[in-house]
Amino acid sequence: MRKNTIASLALLLALGLSLAACQDTKARQENEQLKAHLSEVEKDNGDLQNRVDALTQENADLKQENKRLKAKKAKPKKTARHKHRSTSKASNQN
């Protein structure tokens, strides 16, 4: 009975170690996949941050141009002078 017990413990130990090694390999593979995915996400985040910065600058430029155009439009216009005398003044002088 002792030999059977020792053999069963050895078999159980071998199966346990192989199962642990298999799970460790799966965990390692999953870890590598997650690292690759994290690297992709970080790259995308950097790209998006650059895009946000560019759009922010473009927005500021457009606001400045809009402000300049509004100021240009708001300048008072000179009153138009008549090139010819009005007909009523000309008829009153006769």
C-alpha atoms as a PDB file:
ATOM      1  CA  MET A   1       0.000   0.000   0.000  1.00  0.00           C
ATOM      2  CA  ARG A   2       2.900   2.260   0.694  1.00  0.00           C
ATOM      3  CA  LYS A   3       4.220   1.913  -2.836  1.00  0.00           C
ATOM      4  CA  ASN A   4       0.813   2.762  -4.254  1.00  0.00           C
ATOM      5  CA  THR A   5       0.552   5.820  -2.045  1.00  0.00           C
ATOM      6  CA  ILE A   6       4.003   7.024  -3.018  1.00  0.00           C
ATOM      7  CA  ALA A   7       3.293   6.316  -6.716  1.00  0.00           C
ATOM      8  CA  SER A   8      -0.037   8.169  -6.520  1.00  0.00           C
ATOM      9  CA  LEU A   9       1.605  11.144  -4.825  1.00  0.00           C
ATOM     10  CA  ALA A  10       4.344  11.188  -7.453  1.00  0.00           C
ATOM     11  CA  LEU A  11       1.781  11.007 -10.244  1.00  0.00           C
ATOM     12  CA  LEU A  12      -0.298  13.700  -8.603  1.00  0.00           C
ATOM     13  CA  LEU A  13       2.781  15.863  -8.180  1.00  0.00           C
ATOM     14  CA  ALA A  14       3.759  15.372 -11.842  1.00  0.00           C
ATOM     15  CA  LEU A  15       0.260  16.215 -13.051  1.00  0.00           C
ATOM     16  CA  GLY A  16       0.104  19.239 -10.771  1.00  0.00           C
ATOM     17  CA  LEU A  17       3.437  20.564 -12.021  1.00  0.00           C
ATOM     18  CA  SER A  18       2.500  20.036 -15.667  1.00  0.00           C
ATOM     19  CA  LEU A  19      -0.837  21.771 -15.103  1.00  0.00           C
ATOM     20  CA  ALA A  20       0.893  24.668 -13.351  1.00  0.00           C
ATOM     21  CA  ALA A  21       3.436  24.907 -16.187  1.00  0.00           C
ATOM     22  CA  CYS A  22       0.631  24.894 -18.757  1.00  0.00           C
ATOM     23  CA  GLN A  23      -1.235  27.624 -16.905  1.00  0.00           C
ATOM     24  CA  ASP A  24       2.023  29.578 -16.529  1.00  0.00           C
ATOM     25  CA  THR A  25       2.604  29.324 -20.292  1.00  0.00           C
ATOM     26  CA  LYS A  26      -0.921  30.516 -21.000  1.00  0.00           C
ATOM     27  CA  ALA A  27      -0.494  33.382 -18.559  1.00  0.00           C
ATOM     28  CA  ARG A  28       2.809  34.313 -20.223  1.00  0.00           C
ATOM     29  CA  GLN A  29       1.202  34.290 -23.677  1.00  0.00           C
ATOM     30  CA  GLU A  30      -1.714  36.369 -22.440  1.00  0.00           C
ATOM     31  CA  ASN A  31       0.730  38.768 -20.772  1.00  0.00           C
ATOM     32  CA  GLU A  32       2.643  39.198 -24.045  1.00  0.00           C
ATOM     33  CA  GLN A  33      -0.600  39.835 -25.945  1.00  0.00           C
ATOM     34  CA  LEU A  34      -1.663  42.417 -23.372  1.00  0.00           C
ATOM     35  CA  LYS A  35       1.735  44.129 -23.584  1.00  0.00           C
ATOM     36  CA  ALA A  36       1.430  44.334 -27.369  1.00  0.00           C
ATOM     37  CA  HIS A  37      -2.097  45.704 -27.074  1.00  0.00           C
ATOM     38  CA  LEU A  38      -0.982  48.236 -24.463  1.00  0.00           C
ATOM     39  CA  SER A  39       1.806  49.379 -26.767  1.00  0.00           C
ATOM     40  CA  GLU A  40      -0.723  49.888 -29.577  1.00  0.00           C
ATOM     41  CA  VAL A  41      -3.077  51.818 -27.315  1.00  0.00           C
ATOM     42  CA  GLU A  42      -0.240  54.053 -26.083  1.00  0.00           C
ATOM     43  CA  LYS A  43       0.787  54.769 -29.687  1.00  0.00           C
ATOM     44  CA  ASP A  44      -2.813  55.596 -30.615  1.00  0.00           C
ATOM     45  CA  ASN A  45      -3.064  57.822 -27.555  1.00  0.00           C
ATOM     46  CA  GLY A  46       0.055  59.714 -28.639  1.00  0.00           C
ATOM     47  CA  ASP A  47      -1.320  60.116 -32.158  1.00  0.00           C
ATOM     48  CA  LEU A  48      -4.639  61.376 -30.830  1.00  0.00           C
ATOM     49  CA  GLN A  49      -2.914  63.818 -28.482  1.00  0.00           C
ATOM     50  CA  ASN A  50      -0.946  65.211 -31.422  1.00  0.00           C
ATOM     51  CA  ARG A  51      -4.188  65.558 -33.379  1.00  0.00           C
ATOM     52  CA  VAL A  52      -5.878  67.343 -30.464  1.00  0.00           C
ATOM     53  CA  ASP A  53      -2.931  69.736 -30.172  1.00  0.00           C
ATOM     54  CA  ALA A  54      -3.055  70.487 -33.906  1.00  0.00           C
ATOM     55  CA  LEU A  55      -6.816  71.081 -33.812  1.00  0.00           C
ATOM     56  CA  THR A  56      -6.473  73.316 -30.766  1.00  0.00           C
ATOM     57  CA  GLN A  57      -3.889  75.425 -32.577  1.00  0.00           C
ATOM     58  CA  GLU A  58      -6.044  75.540 -35.705  1.00  0.00           C
ATOM     59  CA  ASN A  59      -9.040  76.611 -33.597  1.00  0.00           C
ATOM     60  CA  ALA A  60      -7.009  79.401 -31.984  1.00  0.00           C
ATOM     61  CA  ASP A  61      -5.836  80.587 -35.411  1.00  0.00           C
ATOM     62  CA  LEU A  62      -9.389  80.611 -36.739  1.00  0.00           C
ATOM     63  CA  LYS A  63     -10.640  82.536 -33.706  1.00  0.00           C
ATOM     64  CA  GLN A  64      -7.916  85.110 -34.231  1.00  0.00           C
ATOM     65  CA  GLU A  65      -8.755  85.428 -37.931  1.00  0.00           C
ATOM     66  CA  ASN A  66     -12.458  85.713 -37.124  1.00  0.00           C
ATOM     67  CA  LYS A  67     -11.742  88.457 -34.596  1.00  0.00           C
ATOM     68  CA  ARG A  68      -9.615  90.308 -37.155  1.00  0.00           C
ATOM     69  CA  LEU A  69     -12.318  90.053 -39.820  1.00  0.00           C
ATOM     70  CA  LYS A  70     -14.996  91.268 -37.415  1.00  0.00           C
ATOM     71  CA  ALA A  71     -12.840  94.253 -36.471  1.00  0.00           C
ATOM     72  CA  LYS A  72     -12.248  95.019 -40.135  1.00  0.00           C
ATOM     73  CA  LYS A  73     -15.973  94.822 -40.875  1.00  0.00           C
ATOM     74  CA  ALA A  74     -16.911  97.004 -37.880  1.00  0.00           C
ATOM     75  CA  LYS A  75     -14.888 100.008 -39.081  1.00  0.00           C
ATOM     76  CA  PRO A  76     -17.241 102.897 -39.900  1.00  0.00           C
ATOM     77  CA  LYS A  77     -17.777 103.436 -43.574  1.00  0.00           C
ATOM     78  CA  LYS A  78     -17.248 106.835 -45.078  1.00  0.00           C
ATOM     79  CA  THR A  79     -20.434 108.430 -46.319  1.00  0.00           C
ATOM     80  CA  ALA A  80     -20.650 108.431 -50.055  1.00  0.00           C
ATOM     81  CA  ARG A  81     -20.484 111.867 -51.612  1.00  0.00           C
ATOM     82  CA  HIS A  82     -22.683 112.633 -54.511  1.00  0.00           C
ATOM     83  CA  LYS A  83     -20.744 113.142 -57.679  1.00  0.00           C
ATOM     84  CA  HIS A  84     -23.488 115.254 -59.177  1.00  0.00           C
ATOM     85  CA  ARG A  85     -25.614 117.935 -57.669  1.00  0.00           C
ATOM     86  CA  SER A  86     -29.069 116.919 -56.794  1.00  0.00           C
ATOM     87  CA  THR A  87     -31.725 118.049 -59.225  1.00  0.00           C
ATOM     88  CA  SER A  88     -33.747 119.891 -56.593  1.00  0.00           C
ATOM     89  CA  LYS A  89     -30.862 122.263 -55.810  1.00  0.00           C
ATOM     90  CA  ALA A  90     -30.247 122.890 -59.476  1.00  0.00           C
ATOM     91  CA  SER A  91     -33.899 123.743 -60.141  1.00  0.00           C
ATOM     92  CA  ASN A  92     -34.062 126.093 -57.108  1.00  0.00           C
ATOM     93  CA  GLN A  93     -31.130 128.131 -58.383  1.00  0.00           C
ATOM     94  CA  ASN A  94     -32.851 128.996 -61.679  1.00  0.00           C
END
